[in-house]
């Protein structure tokens, strides 16, 4: 699954267009390297997101095309979260 879609389906970001723009501007990294929106997410990847003063790192536990709001948090595990919560 594409990185921008994964960020939206997992609810790490609210909209796919915002996820796409964050990837294009270099604010999203996978396994320590800046990633494009077209990157294919796999279980075990570590995604780091920097939005303003907020930084979040999450490990991908699963990839599912469709996730309910309740099931979205089972797709990842938060490793670290810094800065103000949005």
PDB file of N, CA and C in Angstrom:
ATOM      1  N   UNK A   1       0.843  -1.165   0.000  1.00  0.00           N
ATOM      2  CA  UNK A   1       0.000   0.000   0.000  1.00  0.00           C
ATOM      3  C   UNK A   1       0.897   1.241   0.000  1.00  0.00           C
ATOM      4  N   UNK A   2       0.481   2.253  -0.723  1.00  0.00           N
ATOM      5  CA  UNK A   2       1.228   3.500  -0.795  1.00  0.00           C
ATOM      6  C   UNK A   2       1.300   4.167   0.582  1.00  0.00           C
ATOM      7  N   UNK A   3       2.399   4.876   0.830  1.00  0.00           N
ATOM      8  CA  UNK A   3       2.609   5.535   2.113  1.00  0.00           C
ATOM      9  C   UNK A   3       1.520   6.555   2.419  1.00  0.00           C
ATOM     10  N   UNK A   4       1.150   7.392   1.446  1.00  0.00           N
ATOM     11  CA  UNK A   4       0.127   8.415   1.708  1.00  0.00           C
ATOM     12  C   UNK A   4      -1.219   7.781   2.059  1.00  0.00           C
ATOM     13  N   UNK A   5      -1.561   6.681   1.394  1.00  0.00           N
ATOM     14  CA  UNK A   5      -2.819   5.991   1.699  1.00  0.00           C
ATOM     15  C   UNK A   5      -2.744   5.329   3.075  1.00  0.00           C
ATOM     16  N   UNK A   6      -1.603   4.734   3.398  1.00  0.00           N
ATOM     17  CA  UNK A   6      -1.449   4.099   4.703  1.00  0.00           C
ATOM     18  C   UNK A   6      -1.620   5.117   5.830  1.00  0.00           C
ATOM     19  N   UNK A   7      -1.015   6.292   5.682  1.00  0.00           N
ATOM     20  CA  UNK A   7      -1.129   7.314   6.718  1.00  0.00           C
ATOM     21  C   UNK A   7      -2.577   7.729   6.927  1.00  0.00           C
ATOM     22  N   UNK A   8      -3.367   7.750   5.864  1.00  0.00           N
ATOM     23  CA  UNK A   8      -4.782   8.111   5.964  1.00  0.00           C
ATOM     24  C   UNK A   8      -5.603   6.968   6.554  1.00  0.00           C
ATOM     25  N   UNK A   9      -5.418   5.737   6.056  1.00  0.00           N
ATOM     26  CA  UNK A   9      -6.187   4.582   6.524  1.00  0.00           C
ATOM     27  C   UNK A   9      -5.906   4.304   8.001  1.00  0.00           C
ATOM     28  N   UNK A  10      -4.646   4.460   8.427  1.00  0.00           N
ATOM     29  CA  UNK A  10      -4.276   4.200   9.817  1.00  0.00           C
ATOM     30  C   UNK A  10      -4.644   5.359  10.736  1.00  0.00           C
ATOM     31  N   UNK A  11      -5.099   6.449  10.166  1.00  0.00           N
ATOM     32  CA  UNK A  11      -5.511   7.641  10.906  1.00  0.00           C
ATOM     33  C   UNK A  11      -4.331   8.351  11.584  1.00  0.00           C
ATOM     34  N   UNK A  12      -3.115   8.129  11.073  1.00  0.00           N
ATOM     35  CA  UNK A  12      -1.978   8.903  11.553  1.00  0.00           C
ATOM     36  C   UNK A  12      -2.073  10.328  11.012  1.00  0.00           C
ATOM     37  N   UNK A  13      -2.731  10.485   9.856  1.00  0.00           N
ATOM     38  CA  UNK A  13      -3.029  11.794   9.279  1.00  0.00           C
ATOM     39  C   UNK A  13      -4.485  11.793   8.852  1.00  0.00           C
ATOM     40  N   UNK A  14      -5.096  12.976   8.893  1.00  0.00           N
ATOM     41  CA  UNK A  14      -6.531  13.053   8.638  1.00  0.00           C
ATOM     42  C   UNK A  14      -6.904  12.872   7.171  1.00  0.00           C
ATOM     43  N   UNK A  15      -6.079  13.428   6.275  1.00  0.00           N
ATOM     44  CA  UNK A  15      -6.427  13.357   4.853  1.00  0.00           C
ATOM     45  C   UNK A  15      -5.238  12.890   4.025  1.00  0.00           C
ATOM     46  N   UNK A  16      -5.545  12.217   2.938  1.00  0.00           N
ATOM     47  CA  UNK A  16      -4.492  11.700   2.061  1.00  0.00           C
ATOM     48  C   UNK A  16      -3.732  12.839   1.381  1.00  0.00           C
ATOM     49  N   UNK A  17      -4.415  13.922   1.043  1.00  0.00           N
ATOM     50  CA  UNK A  17      -3.719  15.043   0.394  1.00  0.00           C
ATOM     51  C   UNK A  17      -2.702  15.675   1.339  1.00  0.00           C
ATOM     52  N   UNK A  18      -3.034  15.759   2.621  1.00  0.00           N
ATOM     53  CA  UNK A  18      -2.091  16.302   3.605  1.00  0.00           C
ATOM     54  C   UNK A  18      -0.902  15.358   3.746  1.00  0.00           C
ATOM     55  N   UNK A  19      -1.160  14.059   3.761  1.00  0.00           N
ATOM     56  CA  UNK A  19      -0.086  13.064   3.832  1.00  0.00           C
ATOM     57  C   UNK A  19       0.821  13.169   2.605  1.00  0.00           C
ATOM     58  N   UNK A  20       0.217  13.337   1.441  1.00  0.00           N
ATOM     59  CA  UNK A  20       0.978  13.468   0.202  1.00  0.00           C
ATOM     60  C   UNK A  20       1.870  14.701   0.238  1.00  0.00           C
ATOM     61  N   UNK A  21       1.322  15.830   0.687  1.00  0.00           N
ATOM     62  CA  UNK A  21       2.100  17.072   0.770  1.00  0.00           C
ATOM     63  C   UNK A  21       3.232  16.952   1.784  1.00  0.00           C
ATOM     64  N   UNK A  22       2.974  16.282   2.908  1.00  0.00           N
ATOM     65  CA  UNK A  22       4.015  16.084   3.924  1.00  0.00           C
ATOM     66  C   UNK A  22       5.154  15.235   3.365  1.00  0.00           C
ATOM     67  N   UNK A  23       4.828  14.208   2.599  1.00  0.00           N
ATOM     68  CA  UNK A  23       5.855  13.367   1.971  1.00  0.00           C
ATOM     69  C   UNK A  23       6.666  14.174   0.960  1.00  0.00           C
ATOM     70  N   UNK A  24       5.987  14.972   0.144  1.00  0.00           N
ATOM     71  CA  UNK A  24       6.669  15.766  -0.880  1.00  0.00           C
ATOM     72  C   UNK A  24       7.619  16.792  -0.279  1.00  0.00           C
ATOM     73  N   UNK A  25       7.282  17.312   0.919  1.00  0.00           N
ATOM     74  CA  UNK A  25       8.121  18.338   1.535  1.00  0.00           C
ATOM     75  C   UNK A  25       9.182  17.742   2.468  1.00  0.00           C
ATOM     76  N   UNK A  26       9.290  16.417   2.517  1.00  0.00           N
ATOM     77  CA  UNK A  26      10.339  15.769   3.288  1.00  0.00           C
ATOM     78  C   UNK A  26      10.073  15.660   4.777  1.00  0.00           C
ATOM     79  N   UNK A  27       8.825  15.776   5.198  1.00  0.00           N
ATOM     80  CA  UNK A  27       8.495  15.692   6.628  1.00  0.00           C
ATOM     81  C   UNK A  27       8.130  14.278   7.073  1.00  0.00           C
ATOM     82  N   UNK A  28       8.163  13.319   6.151  1.00  0.00           N
ATOM     83  CA  UNK A  28       7.871  11.923   6.484  1.00  0.00           C
ATOM     84  C   UNK A  28       9.078  11.079   6.079  1.00  0.00           C
ATOM     85  N   UNK A  29       9.546  10.259   7.031  1.00  0.00           N
ATOM     86  CA  UNK A  29      10.679   9.373   6.762  1.00  0.00           C
ATOM     87  C   UNK A  29      10.270   7.943   7.102  1.00  0.00           C
ATOM     88  N   UNK A  30      10.809   6.999   6.346  1.00  0.00           N
ATOM     89  CA  UNK A  30      10.583   5.584   6.619  1.00  0.00           C
ATOM     90  C   UNK A  30      11.944   4.937   6.818  1.00  0.00           C
ATOM     91  N   UNK A  31      12.112   4.285   7.960  1.00  0.00           N
ATOM     92  CA  UNK A  31      13.380   3.651   8.319  1.00  0.00           C
ATOM     93  C   UNK A  31      14.548   4.630   8.246  1.00  0.00           C
ATOM     94  N   UNK A  32      14.306   5.880   8.676  1.00  0.00           N
ATOM     95  CA  UNK A  32      15.360   6.887   8.739  1.00  0.00           C
ATOM     96  C   UNK A  32      15.666   7.614   7.437  1.00  0.00           C
ATOM     97  N   UNK A  33      14.954   7.307   6.365  1.00  0.00           N
ATOM     98  CA  UNK A  33      15.203   7.967   5.067  1.00  0.00           C
ATOM     99  C   UNK A  33      13.949   8.703   4.613  1.00  0.00           C
ATOM    100  N   UNK A  34      14.096   9.897   4.069  1.00  0.00           N
ATOM    101  CA  UNK A  34      12.911  10.603   3.546  1.00  0.00           C
ATOM    102  C   UNK A  34      12.199   9.723   2.518  1.00  0.00           C
ATOM    103  N   UNK A  35      10.869   9.690   2.594  1.00  0.00           N
ATOM    104  CA  UNK A  35      10.111   8.788   1.726  1.00  0.00           C
ATOM    105  C   UNK A  35       9.122   9.563   0.879  1.00  0.00           C
ATOM    106  N   UNK A  36       8.929   9.080  -0.333  1.00  0.00           N
ATOM    107  CA  UNK A  36       7.934   9.652  -1.228  1.00  0.00           C
ATOM    108  C   UNK A  36       6.580   9.043  -0.922  1.00  0.00           C
ATOM    109  N   UNK A  37       5.529   9.699  -1.367  1.00  0.00           N
ATOM    110  CA  UNK A  37       4.163   9.224  -1.136  1.00  0.00           C
ATOM    111  C   UNK A  37       3.928   7.868  -1.789  1.00  0.00           C
ATOM    112  N   UNK A  38       4.685   7.541  -2.818  1.00  0.00           N
ATOM    113  CA  UNK A  38       4.494   6.285  -3.543  1.00  0.00           C
ATOM    114  C   UNK A  38       5.233   5.103  -2.902  1.00  0.00           C
ATOM    115  N   UNK A  39       5.955   5.317  -1.815  1.00  0.00           N
ATOM    116  CA  UNK A  39       6.684   4.244  -1.133  1.00  0.00           C
ATOM    117  C   UNK A  39       5.704   3.150  -0.714  1.00  0.00           C
ATOM    118  N   UNK A  40       6.072   1.885  -0.945  1.00  0.00           N
ATOM    119  CA  UNK A  40       5.218   0.754  -0.571  1.00  0.00           C
ATOM    120  C   UNK A  40       5.491   0.364   0.878  1.00  0.00           C
ATOM    121  N   UNK A  41       4.526   0.589   1.745  1.00  0.00           N
ATOM    122  CA  UNK A  41       4.657   0.303   3.176  1.00  0.00           C
ATOM    123  C   UNK A  41       4.577  -1.194   3.427  1.00  0.00           C
ATOM    124  N   UNK A  42       5.480  -1.695   4.302  1.00  0.00           N
ATOM    125  CA  UNK A  42       5.500  -3.112   4.664  1.00  0.00           C
ATOM    126  C   UNK A  42       5.503  -3.225   6.186  1.00  0.00           C
ATOM    127  N   UNK A  43       4.957  -4.312   6.735  1.00  0.00           N
ATOM    128  CA  UNK A  43       5.037  -4.517   8.188  1.00  0.00           C
ATOM    129  C   UNK A  43       6.502  -4.511   8.632  1.00  0.00           C
ATOM    130  N   UNK A  44       6.771  -3.839   9.745  1.00  0.00           N
ATOM    131  CA  UNK A  44       8.137  -3.726  10.255  1.00  0.00           C
ATOM    132  C   UNK A  44       8.771  -2.382   9.954  1.00  0.00           C
ATOM    133  N   UNK A  45       8.241  -1.626   8.986  1.00  0.00           N
ATOM    134  CA  UNK A  45       8.757  -0.292   8.685  1.00  0.00           C
ATOM    135  C   UNK A  45       8.528   0.639   9.871  1.00  0.00           C
ATOM    136  N   UNK A  46       9.434   1.587  10.067  1.00  0.00           N
ATOM    137  CA  UNK A  46       9.276   2.613  11.097  1.00  0.00           C
ATOM    138  C   UNK A  46       9.066   3.940  10.382  1.00  0.00           C
ATOM    139  N   UNK A  47       7.904   4.553  10.621  1.00  0.00           N
ATOM    140  CA  UNK A  47       7.532   5.810   9.979  1.00  0.00           C
ATOM    141  C   UNK A  47       7.720   6.939  10.978  1.00  0.00           C
ATOM    142  N   UNK A  48       8.431   7.997  10.571  1.00  0.00           N
ATOM    143  CA  UNK A  48       8.628   9.186  11.397  1.00  0.00           C
ATOM    144  C   UNK A  48       7.970  10.368  10.700  1.00  0.00           C
ATOM    145  N   UNK A  49       7.134  11.097  11.444  1.00  0.00           N
ATOM    146  CA  UNK A  49       6.400  12.235  10.889  1.00  0.00           C
ATOM    147  C   UNK A  49       6.742  13.480  11.693  1.00  0.00           C
ATOM    148  N   UNK A  50       7.111  14.575  11.008  1.00  0.00           N
ATOM    149  CA  UNK A  50       7.378  15.858  11.654  1.00  0.00           C
ATOM    150  C   UNK A  50       6.409  16.886  11.104  1.00  0.00           C
ATOM    151  N   UNK A  51       5.526  17.366  11.962  1.00  0.00           N
ATOM    152  CA  UNK A  51       4.591  18.418  11.577  1.00  0.00           C
ATOM    153  C   UNK A  51       4.702  19.543  12.597  1.00  0.00           C
ATOM    154  N   UNK A  52       5.377  20.625  12.225  1.00  0.00           N
ATOM    155  CA  UNK A  52       5.601  21.719  13.164  1.00  0.00           C
ATOM    156  C   UNK A  52       6.485  21.244  14.301  1.00  0.00           C
ATOM    157  N   UNK A  53       6.028  21.475  15.542  1.00  0.00           N
ATOM    158  CA  UNK A  53       6.793  21.063  16.719  1.00  0.00           C
ATOM    159  C   UNK A  53       6.493  19.622  17.113  1.00  0.00           C
ATOM    160  N   UNK A  54       5.560  18.988  16.449  1.00  0.00           N
ATOM    161  CA  UNK A  54       5.145  17.626  16.799  1.00  0.00           C
ATOM    162  C   UNK A  54       5.915  16.600  15.970  1.00  0.00           C
ATOM    163  N   UNK A  55       6.445  15.593  16.660  1.00  0.00           N
ATOM    164  CA  UNK A  55       7.159  14.506  15.991  1.00  0.00           C
ATOM    165  C   UNK A  55       6.600  13.183  16.502  1.00  0.00           C
ATOM    166  N   UNK A  56       6.278  12.296  15.570  1.00  0.00           N
ATOM    167  CA  UNK A  56       5.725  10.991  15.921  1.00  0.00           C
ATOM    168  C   UNK A  56       6.491   9.915  15.167  1.00  0.00           C
ATOM    169  N   UNK A  57       6.850   8.845  15.880  1.00  0.00           N
ATOM    170  CA  UNK A  57       7.461   7.666  15.252  1.00  0.00           C
ATOM    171  C   UNK A  57       6.555   6.478  15.537  1.00  0.00           C
ATOM    172  N   UNK A  58       6.249   5.719  14.490  1.00  0.00           N
ATOM    173  CA  UNK A  58       5.359   4.571  14.636  1.00  0.00           C
ATOM    174  C   UNK A  58       5.904   3.393  13.840  1.00  0.00           C
ATOM    175  N   UNK A  59       5.753   2.199  14.410  1.00  0.00           N
ATOM    176  CA  UNK A  59       6.160   0.975  13.730  1.00  0.00           C
ATOM    177  C   UNK A  59       4.929   0.359  13.075  1.00  0.00           C
ATOM    178  N   UNK A  60       5.051  -0.018  11.810  1.00  0.00           N
ATOM    179  CA  UNK A  60       3.944  -0.611  11.063  1.00  0.00           C
ATOM    180  C   UNK A  60       3.782  -2.066  11.511  1.00  0.00           C
ATOM    181  N   UNK A  61       2.594  -2.397  12.010  1.00  0.00           N
ATOM    182  CA  UNK A  61       2.300  -3.766  12.436  1.00  0.00           C
ATOM    183  C   UNK A  61       1.528  -4.535  11.372  1.00  0.00           C
ATOM    184  N   UNK A  62       0.745  -3.815  10.579  1.00  0.00           N
ATOM    185  CA  UNK A  62      -0.042  -4.461   9.543  1.00  0.00           C
ATOM    186  C   UNK A  62      -0.454  -3.472   8.478  1.00  0.00           C
ATOM    187  N   UNK A  63      -0.795  -3.996   7.324  1.00  0.00           N
ATOM    188  CA  UNK A  63      -1.240  -3.168   6.203  1.00  0.00           C
ATOM    189  C   UNK A  63      -2.605  -3.690   5.778  1.00  0.00           C
ATOM    190  N   UNK A  64      -3.608  -2.832   5.855  1.00  0.00           N
ATOM    191  CA  UNK A  64      -4.974  -3.217   5.513  1.00  0.00           C
ATOM    192  C   UNK A  64      -5.587  -2.103   4.683  1.00  0.00           C
ATOM    193  N   UNK A  65      -6.129  -2.435   3.522  1.00  0.00           N
ATOM    194  CA  UNK A  65      -6.703  -1.426   2.626  1.00  0.00           C
ATOM    195  C   UNK A  65      -7.844  -0.655   3.283  1.00  0.00           C
ATOM    196  N   UNK A  66      -8.624  -1.344   4.105  1.00  0.00           N
ATOM    197  CA  UNK A  66      -9.773  -0.717   4.748  1.00  0.00           C
ATOM    198  C   UNK A  66      -9.712  -1.014   6.239  1.00  0.00           C
ATOM    199  N   UNK A  67      -9.729   0.026   7.052  1.00  0.00           N
ATOM    200  CA  UNK A  67      -9.713  -0.159   8.499  1.00  0.00           C
ATOM    201  C   UNK A  67     -10.783   0.731   9.108  1.00  0.00           C
ATOM    202  N   UNK A  68     -11.519   0.167  10.054  1.00  0.00           N
ATOM    203  CA  UNK A  68     -12.513   0.971  10.752  1.00  0.00           C
ATOM    204  C   UNK A  68     -11.794   1.917  11.703  1.00  0.00           C
ATOM    205  N   UNK A  69     -12.520   2.893  12.190  1.00  0.00           N
ATOM    206  CA  UNK A  69     -11.930   3.842  13.121  1.00  0.00           C
ATOM    207  C   UNK A  69     -11.395   3.122  14.352  1.00  0.00           C
ATOM    208  N   UNK A  70     -12.135   2.129  14.837  1.00  0.00           N
ATOM    209  CA  UNK A  70     -11.711   1.369  16.014  1.00  0.00           C
ATOM    210  C   UNK A  70     -10.509   0.479  15.712  1.00  0.00           C
ATOM    211  N   UNK A  71     -10.418  -0.051  14.510  1.00  0.00           N
ATOM    212  CA  UNK A  71      -9.339  -0.965  14.159  1.00  0.00           C
ATOM    213  C   UNK A  71      -8.094  -0.304  13.608  1.00  0.00           C
ATOM    214  N   UNK A  72      -8.149   0.995  13.342  1.00  0.00           N
ATOM    215  CA  UNK A  72      -7.016   1.686  12.728  1.00  0.00           C
ATOM    216  C   UNK A  72      -5.783   1.666  13.620  1.00  0.00           C
ATOM    217  N   UNK A  73      -5.965   1.775  14.933  1.00  0.00           N
ATOM    218  CA  UNK A  73      -4.808   1.831  15.827  1.00  0.00           C
ATOM    219  C   UNK A  73      -4.079   0.490  15.921  1.00  0.00           C
ATOM    220  N   UNK A  74      -4.692  -0.590  15.461  1.00  0.00           N
ATOM    221  CA  UNK A  74      -4.019  -1.892  15.483  1.00  0.00           C
ATOM    222  C   UNK A  74      -3.045  -2.053  14.312  1.00  0.00           C
ATOM    223  N   UNK A  75      -3.024  -1.098  13.389  1.00  0.00           N
ATOM    224  CA  UNK A  75      -2.126  -1.163  12.239  1.00  0.00           C
ATOM    225  C   UNK A  75      -0.719  -0.675  12.571  1.00  0.00           C
ATOM    226  N   UNK A  76      -0.550   0.030  13.709  1.00  0.00           N
ATOM    227  CA  UNK A  76       0.746   0.584  14.060  1.00  0.00           C
ATOM    228  C   UNK A  76       0.932   0.601  15.576  1.00  0.00           C
ATOM    229  N   UNK A  77       2.188   0.807  15.989  1.00  0.00           N
ATOM    230  CA  UNK A  77       2.541   0.954  17.393  1.00  0.00           C
ATOM    231  C   UNK A  77       3.351   2.237  17.511  1.00  0.00           C
ATOM    232  N   UNK A  78       2.908   3.157  18.376  1.00  0.00           N
ATOM    233  CA  UNK A  78       3.635   4.416  18.583  1.00  0.00           C
ATOM    234  C   UNK A  78       4.920   4.115  19.348  1.00  0.00           C
ATOM    235  N   UNK A  79       6.054   4.516  18.781  1.00  0.00           N
ATOM    236  CA  UNK A  79       7.348   4.313  19.428  1.00  0.00           C
ATOM    237  C   UNK A  79       7.733   5.537  20.246  1.00  0.00           C
ATOM    238  N   UNK A  80       7.496   6.737  19.700  1.00  0.00           N
ATOM    239  CA  UNK A  80       7.777   7.974  20.430  1.00  0.00           C
ATOM    240  C   UNK A  80       6.874   9.074  19.892  1.00  0.00           C
ATOM    241  N   UNK A  81       6.574  10.025  20.778  1.00  0.00           N
ATOM    242  CA  UNK A  81       5.729  11.157  20.411  1.00  0.00           C
ATOM    243  C   UNK A  81       6.235  12.362  21.181  1.00  0.00           C
ATOM    244  N   UNK A  82       6.680  13.398  20.465  1.00  0.00           N
ATOM    245  CA  UNK A  82       7.210  14.609  21.084  1.00  0.00           C
ATOM    246  C   UNK A  82       6.401  15.808  20.630  1.00  0.00           C
ATOM    247  N   UNK A  83       6.350  16.809  21.470  1.00  0.00           N
ATOM    248  CA  UNK A  83       5.684  18.053  21.119  1.00  0.00           C
ATOM    249  C   UNK A  83       4.232  18.070  21.519  1.00  0.00           C
ATOM    250  N   UNK A  84       3.554  19.181  21.212  1.00  0.00           N
ATOM    251  CA  UNK A  84       2.148  19.318  21.600  1.00  0.00           C
ATOM    252  C   UNK A  84       1.246  18.374  20.808  1.00  0.00           C
ATOM    253  N   UNK A  85       0.224  17.855  21.459  1.00  0.00           N
ATOM    254  CA  UNK A  85      -0.720  16.989  20.755  1.00  0.00           C
ATOM    255  C   UNK A  85      -1.727  17.839  20.018  1.00  0.00           C
ATOM    256  N   UNK A  86      -2.123  17.371  18.837  1.00  0.00           N
ATOM    257  CA  UNK A  86      -3.030  18.158  17.997  1.00  0.00           C
ATOM    258  C   UNK A  86      -4.464  17.787  18.266  1.00  0.00           C
TER     259      UNK A  86
END
